[in-house]
PDB file of N, CA and C in Angstrom:
ATOM      1  N   MET A   1       3.948 138.452  73.721  1.00  0.00           N
ATOM      2  CA  MET A   1       4.236 139.575  72.868  1.00  0.00           C
ATOM      3  C   MET A   1       3.122 140.797  72.977  1.00  0.00           C
ATOM      4  N   THR A   2       3.146 142.004  73.366  1.00  0.00           N
ATOM      5  CA  THR A   2       2.390 142.900  73.617  1.00  0.00           C
ATOM      6  C   THR A   2       1.861 143.741  72.174  1.00  0.00           C
ATOM      7  N   THR A   3       0.652 144.310  72.140  1.00  0.00           N
ATOM      8  CA  THR A   3       0.244 144.915  70.819  1.00  0.00           C
ATOM      9  C   THR A   3       1.510 146.021  70.289  1.00  0.00           C
ATOM     10  N   SER A   4       1.800 146.844  71.372  1.00  0.00           N
ATOM     11  CA  SER A   4       2.984 147.811  71.139  1.00  0.00           C
ATOM     12  C   SER A   4       4.204 147.194  70.553  1.00  0.00           C
ATOM     13  N   ASP A   5       4.487 145.953  71.137  1.00  0.00           N
ATOM     14  CA  ASP A   5       5.801 145.083  70.677  1.00  0.00           C
ATOM     15  C   ASP A   5       5.598 144.711  69.282  1.00  0.00           C
ATOM     16  N   MET A   6       4.455 144.280  68.845  1.00  0.00           N
ATOM     17  CA  MET A   6       4.007 143.995  67.617  1.00  0.00           C
ATOM     18  C   MET A   6       4.024 145.067  66.566  1.00  0.00           C
ATOM     19  N   ILE A   7       3.577 146.402  67.111  1.00  0.00           N
ATOM     20  CA  ILE A   7       3.748 147.324  66.130  1.00  0.00           C
ATOM     21  C   ILE A   7       5.107 147.806  65.884  1.00  0.00           C
ATOM     22  N   ARG A   8       6.072 147.672  66.791  1.00  0.00           N
ATOM     23  CA  ARG A   8       7.438 148.241  66.855  1.00  0.00           C
ATOM     24  C   ARG A   8       8.017 147.239  65.952  1.00  0.00           C
ATOM     25  N   GLU A   9       7.806 145.887  65.988  1.00  0.00           N
ATOM     26  CA  GLU A   9       8.268 144.910  65.182  1.00  0.00           C
ATOM     27  C   GLU A   9       7.999 145.074  63.726  1.00  0.00           C
ATOM     28  N   LEU A  10       6.920 145.393  63.431  1.00  0.00           N
ATOM     29  CA  LEU A  10       5.922 145.749  62.193  1.00  0.00           C
ATOM     30  C   LEU A  10       6.972 146.886  61.552  1.00  0.00           C
ATOM     31  N   CYS A  11       7.267 147.784  62.257  1.00  0.00           N
ATOM     32  CA  CYS A  11       7.937 149.115  61.847  1.00  0.00           C
ATOM     33  C   CYS A  11       9.213 148.655  61.376  1.00  0.00           C
ATOM     34  N   GLU A  12       9.837 147.797  62.187  1.00  0.00           N
ATOM     35  CA  GLU A  12      11.434 147.364  61.825  1.00  0.00           C
ATOM     36  C   GLU A  12      11.428 146.618  60.475  1.00  0.00           C
ATOM     37  N   LYS A  13      10.198 145.898  60.329  1.00  0.00           N
ATOM     38  CA  LYS A  13      10.294 145.028  59.004  1.00  0.00           C
ATOM     39  C   LYS A  13       9.863 145.680  57.880  1.00  0.00           C
ATOM     40  N   MET A  14       8.949 146.876  58.061  1.00  0.00           N
ATOM     41  CA  MET A  14       8.614 147.483  57.048  1.00  0.00           C
ATOM     42  C   MET A  14       9.658 148.875  56.608  1.00  0.00           C
ATOM     43  N   ASN A  15      10.769 148.745  57.503  1.00  0.00           N
ATOM     44  CA  ASN A  15      11.463 149.808  57.403  1.00  0.00           C
ATOM     45  C   ASN A  15      11.012 151.255  57.263  1.00  0.00           C
ATOM     46  N   ILE A  16      10.107 151.472  58.465  1.00  0.00           N
ATOM     47  CA  ILE A  16       9.633 152.789  58.435  1.00  0.00           C
ATOM     48  C   ILE A  16       9.650 153.171  60.055  1.00  0.00           C
ATOM     49  N   SER A  17       9.962 154.364  60.690  1.00  0.00           N
ATOM     50  CA  SER A  17       9.845 154.643  62.039  1.00  0.00           C
ATOM     51  C   SER A  17       8.511 154.592  62.388  1.00  0.00           C
ATOM     52  N   ILE A  18       8.508 154.833  63.911  1.00  0.00           N
ATOM     53  CA  ILE A  18       7.235 154.674  64.704  1.00  0.00           C
ATOM     54  C   ILE A  18       6.452 156.268  64.104  1.00  0.00           C
ATOM     55  N   SER A  19       7.479 157.129  64.173  1.00  0.00           N
ATOM     56  CA  SER A  19       6.681 158.671  63.680  1.00  0.00           C
ATOM     57  C   SER A  19       6.261 158.555  62.224  1.00  0.00           C
ATOM     58  N   GLU A  20       6.887 157.904  61.440  1.00  0.00           N
ATOM     59  CA  GLU A  20       6.359 157.828  60.131  1.00  0.00           C
ATOM     60  C   GLU A  20       4.934 157.123  60.090  1.00  0.00           C
ATOM     61  N   LEU A  21       4.752 156.116  60.987  1.00  0.00           N
ATOM     62  CA  LEU A  21       3.701 155.203  60.799  1.00  0.00           C
ATOM     63  C   LEU A  21       2.336 156.109  61.441  1.00  0.00           C
ATOM     64  N   ALA A  22       2.604 156.863  62.550  1.00  0.00           N
ATOM     65  CA  ALA A  22       1.845 157.732  63.192  1.00  0.00           C
ATOM     66  C   ALA A  22       1.320 158.740  62.128  1.00  0.00           C
ATOM     67  N   ARG A  23       2.012 159.344  61.392  1.00  0.00           N
ATOM     68  CA  ARG A  23       1.727 160.272  60.403  1.00  0.00           C
ATOM     69  C   ARG A  23       0.834 159.516  59.532  1.00  0.00           C
ATOM     70  N   ARG A  24       1.411 158.382  58.935  1.00  0.00           N
ATOM     71  CA  ARG A  24       0.356 157.716  58.004  1.00  0.00           C
ATOM     72  C   ARG A  24      -0.855 157.617  58.404  1.00  0.00           C
ATOM     73  N   ILE A  25      -1.298 157.105  59.753  1.00  0.00           N
ATOM     74  CA  ILE A  25      -2.514 157.021  60.188  1.00  0.00           C
ATOM     75  C   ILE A  25      -3.190 158.239  60.782  1.00  0.00           C
ATOM     76  N   GLY A  26      -2.623 159.323  60.588  1.00  0.00           N
ATOM     77  CA  GLY A  26      -3.313 160.643  60.977  1.00  0.00           C
ATOM     78  C   GLY A  26      -3.236 160.881  62.497  1.00  0.00           C
ATOM     79  N   GLN A  27      -2.113 160.488  63.129  1.00  0.00           N
ATOM     80  CA  GLN A  27      -1.854 160.940  64.431  1.00  0.00           C
ATOM     81  C   GLN A  27      -0.570 161.477  64.495  1.00  0.00           C
ATOM     82  N   THR A  28      -0.387 162.240  65.647  1.00  0.00           N
ATOM     83  CA  THR A  28       0.783 162.921  65.923  1.00  0.00           C
ATOM     84  C   THR A  28       1.583 161.660  66.456  1.00  0.00           C
ATOM     85  N   PRO A  29       3.018 161.950  66.241  1.00  0.00           N
ATOM     86  CA  PRO A  29       4.293 160.827  66.809  1.00  0.00           C
ATOM     87  C   PRO A  29       3.915 160.835  68.282  1.00  0.00           C
ATOM     88  N   GLN A  30       3.651 162.166  68.862  1.00  0.00           N
ATOM     89  CA  GLN A  30       3.790 162.063  70.376  1.00  0.00           C
ATOM     90  C   GLN A  30       2.704 161.198  70.992  1.00  0.00           C
ATOM     91  N   ASN A  31       1.481 161.547  70.132  1.00  0.00           N
ATOM     92  CA  ASN A  31       0.163 160.924  70.742  1.00  0.00           C
ATOM     93  C   ASN A  31       0.027 159.522  70.563  1.00  0.00           C
ATOM     94  N   PHE A  32       0.940 159.058  69.387  1.00  0.00           N
ATOM     95  CA  PHE A  32       0.933 157.543  68.927  1.00  0.00           C
ATOM     96  C   PHE A  32       1.917 156.882  69.958  1.00  0.00           C
ATOM     97  N   ASN A  33       3.049 157.729  70.363  1.00  0.00           N
ATOM     98  CA  ASN A  33       4.053 157.126  71.285  1.00  0.00           C
ATOM     99  C   ASN A  33       3.342 156.977  72.548  1.00  0.00           C
ATOM    100  N   LYS A  34       2.464 157.813  73.045  1.00  0.00           N
ATOM    101  CA  LYS A  34       2.201 157.535  74.207  1.00  0.00           C
ATOM    102  C   LYS A  34       1.008 156.484  74.392  1.00  0.00           C
ATOM    103  N   LYS A  35       0.344 156.232  73.210  1.00  0.00           N
ATOM    104  CA  LYS A  35      -0.508 154.957  73.300  1.00  0.00           C
ATOM    105  C   LYS A  35       0.195 153.752  73.206  1.00  0.00           C
ATOM    106  N   LEU A  36       1.442 153.673  72.526  1.00  0.00           N
ATOM    107  CA  LEU A  36       2.484 152.707  72.744  1.00  0.00           C
ATOM    108  C   LEU A  36       2.825 152.067  74.041  1.00  0.00           C
ATOM    109  N   GLN A  37       3.193 153.367  74.719  1.00  0.00           N
ATOM    110  CA  GLN A  37       3.804 153.265  76.013  1.00  0.00           C
ATOM    111  C   GLN A  37       2.748 152.852  77.134  1.00  0.00           C
ATOM    112  N   ARG A  38       1.389 153.168  76.625  1.00  0.00           N
ATOM    113  CA  ARG A  38       0.193 152.660  77.769  1.00  0.00           C
ATOM    114  C   ARG A  38      -0.141 151.155  77.239  1.00  0.00           C
ATOM    115  N   GLY A  39       0.091 151.049  76.093  1.00  0.00           N
ATOM    116  CA  GLY A  39      -0.439 149.629  75.592  1.00  0.00           C
ATOM    117  C   GLY A  39      -1.950 149.858  75.220  1.00  0.00           C
ATOM    118  N   THR A  40      -2.412 151.056  74.687  1.00  0.00           N
ATOM    119  CA  THR A  40      -3.875 151.364  74.368  1.00  0.00           C
ATOM    120  C   THR A  40      -4.341 151.442  72.857  1.00  0.00           C
ATOM    121  N   VAL A  41      -3.464 150.701  72.116  1.00  0.00           N
ATOM    122  CA  VAL A  41      -3.610 150.715  70.769  1.00  0.00           C
ATOM    123  C   VAL A  41      -5.093 149.864  70.551  1.00  0.00           C
ATOM    124  N   SER A  42      -6.057 150.276  69.757  1.00  0.00           N
ATOM    125  CA  SER A  42      -7.232 149.736  69.850  1.00  0.00           C
ATOM    126  C   SER A  42      -7.198 148.434  68.679  1.00  0.00           C
ATOM    127  N   VAL A  43      -8.038 147.681  68.388  1.00  0.00           N
ATOM    128  CA  VAL A  43      -8.371 146.909  67.053  1.00  0.00           C
ATOM    129  C   VAL A  43      -8.433 147.709  65.950  1.00  0.00           C
ATOM    130  N   GLU A  44      -9.632 148.723  66.159  1.00  0.00           N
ATOM    131  CA  GLU A  44     -10.012 149.492  64.975  1.00  0.00           C
ATOM    132  C   GLU A  44      -8.498 150.101  64.771  1.00  0.00           C
ATOM    133  N   GLU A  45      -7.663 150.631  65.445  1.00  0.00           N
ATOM    134  CA  GLU A  45      -6.218 151.122  65.193  1.00  0.00           C
ATOM    135  C   GLU A  45      -5.347 150.287  64.329  1.00  0.00           C
ATOM    136  N   MET A  46      -5.544 149.217  64.730  1.00  0.00           N
ATOM    137  CA  MET A  46      -4.633 148.121  64.013  1.00  0.00           C
ATOM    138  C   MET A  46      -5.144 147.832  62.610  1.00  0.00           C
ATOM    139  N   ILE A  47      -6.614 147.982  62.468  1.00  0.00           N
ATOM    140  CA  ILE A  47      -6.913 147.707  61.024  1.00  0.00           C
ATOM    141  C   ILE A  47      -6.560 149.154  60.297  1.00  0.00           C
ATOM    142  N   ILE A  48      -6.345 150.105  60.867  1.00  0.00           N
ATOM    143  CA  ILE A  48      -5.966 151.445  60.221  1.00  0.00           C
ATOM    144  C   ILE A  48      -4.664 151.260  59.704  1.00  0.00           C
ATOM    145  N   ILE A  49      -3.920 150.872  60.697  1.00  0.00           N
ATOM    146  CA  ILE A  49      -2.394 150.646  60.387  1.00  0.00           C
ATOM    147  C   ILE A  49      -2.110 149.814  59.374  1.00  0.00           C
ATOM    148  N   ALA A  50      -2.766 148.425  59.295  1.00  0.00           N
ATOM    149  CA  ALA A  50      -2.646 147.625  58.287  1.00  0.00           C
ATOM    150  C   ALA A  50      -3.017 148.175  56.983  1.00  0.00           C
ATOM    151  N   ASP A  51      -4.070 148.816  56.832  1.00  0.00           N
ATOM    152  CA  ASP A  51      -4.447 149.540  55.814  1.00  0.00           C
ATOM    153  C   ASP A  51      -3.434 150.661  55.237  1.00  0.00           C
ATOM    154  N   ALA A  52      -2.981 151.351  56.196  1.00  0.00           N
ATOM    155  CA  ALA A  52      -2.110 152.360  55.609  1.00  0.00           C
ATOM    156  C   ALA A  52      -0.873 151.831  55.072  1.00  0.00           C
ATOM    157  N   LEU A  53      -0.398 150.655  55.713  1.00  0.00           N
ATOM    158  CA  LEU A  53       0.697 149.928  55.134  1.00  0.00           C
ATOM    159  C   LEU A  53       0.452 148.803  53.949  1.00  0.00           C
ATOM    160  N   GLY A  54      -0.845 148.833  53.392  1.00  0.00           N
ATOM    161  CA  GLY A  54      -1.073 147.882  52.361  1.00  0.00           C
ATOM    162  C   GLY A  54      -0.841 146.376  52.793  1.00  0.00           C
ATOM    163  N   ILE A  55      -1.120 145.908  54.025  1.00  0.00           N
ATOM    164  CA  ILE A  55      -0.820 144.562  54.714  1.00  0.00           C
ATOM    165  C   ILE A  55      -2.110 144.291  54.969  1.00  0.00           C
ATOM    166  N   THR A  56      -2.329 142.893  55.470  1.00  0.00           N
ATOM    167  CA  THR A  56      -3.412 142.144  56.170  1.00  0.00           C
ATOM    168  C   THR A  56      -3.309 142.145  57.459  1.00  0.00           C
ATOM    169  N   PHE A  57      -4.481 142.578  58.361  1.00  0.00           N
ATOM    170  CA  PHE A  57      -4.402 142.499  59.612  1.00  0.00           C
ATOM    171  C   PHE A  57      -5.568 141.383  60.084  1.00  0.00           C
ATOM    172  N   GLU A  58      -5.354 140.466  60.770  1.00  0.00           N
ATOM    173  CA  GLU A  58      -6.354 139.432  61.329  1.00  0.00           C
ATOM    174  C   GLU A  58      -5.990 139.133  62.736  1.00  0.00           C
ATOM    175  N   GLN A  59      -7.348 138.874  63.354  1.00  0.00           N
ATOM    176  CA  GLN A  59      -7.275 138.453  64.677  1.00  0.00           C
ATOM    177  C   GLN A  59      -8.730 137.769  64.752  1.00  0.00           C
ATOM    178  N   ARG A  60      -8.333 136.516  65.503  1.00  0.00           N
ATOM    179  CA  ARG A  60      -9.405 135.699  65.566  1.00  0.00           C
ATOM    180  C   ARG A  60      -9.335 134.742  66.789  1.00  0.00           C
ATOM    181  N   PHE A  61     -10.712 134.133  67.205  1.00  0.00           N
ATOM    182  CA  PHE A  61     -10.997 132.963  68.172  1.00  0.00           C
ATOM    183  C   PHE A  61     -11.243 131.976  67.319  1.00  0.00           C
ATOM    184  N   VAL A  62     -10.583 130.903  67.668  1.00  0.00           N
ATOM    185  CA  VAL A  62     -10.927 129.547  67.090  1.00  0.00           C
ATOM    186  C   VAL A  62     -11.661 128.565  67.925  1.00  0.00           C
ATOM    187  N   ILE A  63     -12.715 128.192  67.806  1.00  0.00           N
ATOM    188  CA  ILE A  63     -13.430 127.282  68.762  1.00  0.00           C
ATOM    189  C   ILE A  63     -13.285 126.062  68.280  1.00  0.00           C
ATOM    190  N   GLU A  64     -13.435 125.048  69.143  1.00  0.00           N
ATOM    191  CA  GLU A  64     -12.996 123.630  69.433  1.00  0.00           C
ATOM    192  C   GLU A  64     -13.753 122.992  68.105  1.00  0.00           C
ATOM    193  N   ASN A  65     -14.593 123.476  67.589  1.00  0.00           N
ATOM    194  CA  ASN A  65     -15.359 122.670  66.453  1.00  0.00           C
ATOM    195  C   ASN A  65     -14.676 123.255  65.303  1.00  0.00           C
ATOM    196  N   GLY A  66     -13.790 123.985  65.264  1.00  0.00           N
ATOM    197  CA  GLY A  66     -13.106 124.355  63.886  1.00  0.00           C
ATOM    198  C   GLY A  66     -13.600 125.695  63.446  1.00  0.00           C
ATOM    199  N   SER A  67     -14.564 126.090  64.025  1.00  0.00           N
ATOM    200  CA  SER A  67     -15.173 127.411  63.473  1.00  0.00           C
ATOM    201  C   SER A  67     -14.520 128.697  64.000  1.00  0.00           C
ATOM    202  N   PHE A  68     -14.618 129.780  63.810  1.00  0.00           N
ATOM    203  CA  PHE A  68     -13.798 130.797  64.183  1.00  0.00           C
ATOM    204  C   PHE A  68     -14.564 132.234  63.876  1.00  0.00           C
ATOM    205  N   ILE A  69     -14.236 133.223  64.943  1.00  0.00           N
ATOM    206  CA  ILE A  69     -14.822 134.606  64.905  1.00  0.00           C
ATOM    207  C   ILE A  69     -13.655 135.108  64.770  1.00  0.00           C
ATOM    208  N   GLN A  70     -13.773 136.087  63.526  1.00  0.00           N
ATOM    209  CA  GLN A  70     -12.588 136.723  62.994  1.00  0.00           C
ATOM    210  C   GLN A  70     -12.842 138.155  62.527  1.00  0.00           C
ATOM    211  N   ILE A  71     -11.754 139.210  62.870  1.00  0.00           N
ATOM    212  CA  ILE A  71     -11.823 140.259  62.480  1.00  0.00           C
ATOM    213  C   ILE A  71     -10.619 140.802  61.650  1.00  0.00           C
ATOM    214  N   SER A  72     -10.988 141.422  60.380  1.00  0.00           N
ATOM    215  CA  SER A  72      -9.977 141.471  59.567  1.00  0.00           C
ATOM    216  C   SER A  72     -10.089 142.789  58.627  1.00  0.00           C
ATOM    217  N   ASN A  73      -9.099 143.286  57.938  1.00  0.00           N
ATOM    218  CA  ASN A  73      -9.347 144.507  57.184  1.00  0.00           C
ATOM    219  C   ASN A  73      -9.271 143.993  55.916  1.00  0.00           C
ATOM    220  N   LYS A  74      -9.387 142.990  55.584  1.00  0.00           N
ATOM    221  CA  LYS A  74      -9.618 142.276  54.116  1.00  0.00           C
ATOM    222  C   LYS A  74     -11.048 141.759  54.088  1.00  0.00           C
ATOM    223  N   GLY A  75     -12.004 141.989  54.907  1.00  0.00           N
ATOM    224  CA  GLY A  75     -13.215 141.498  54.629  1.00  0.00           C
ATOM    225  C   GLY A  75     -13.769 139.954  54.627  1.00  0.00           C
ATOM    226  N   ASN A  76     -12.773 139.453  55.640  1.00  0.00           N
ATOM    227  CA  ASN A  76     -13.000 138.007  55.677  1.00  0.00           C
ATOM    228  C   ASN A  76     -14.215 137.634  56.780  1.00  0.00           C
TER     229      ASN A  76
END
């Protein structure tokens, strides 16, 4: 699943349109749709999306010894 697919599914589950999400994160729908088509949504933008929707975003690498490196919008 691509990042763009994840965002589209998120919008479906949150019952908002892609255009509404774009407005909530301060982008034009046209610009945001182009980013989705190109697959160029950054991790920073994913955090902004999560904050705008009041949800948690996490991305992590899990190392064999059980430790991990994580990015999150909730300060973990």
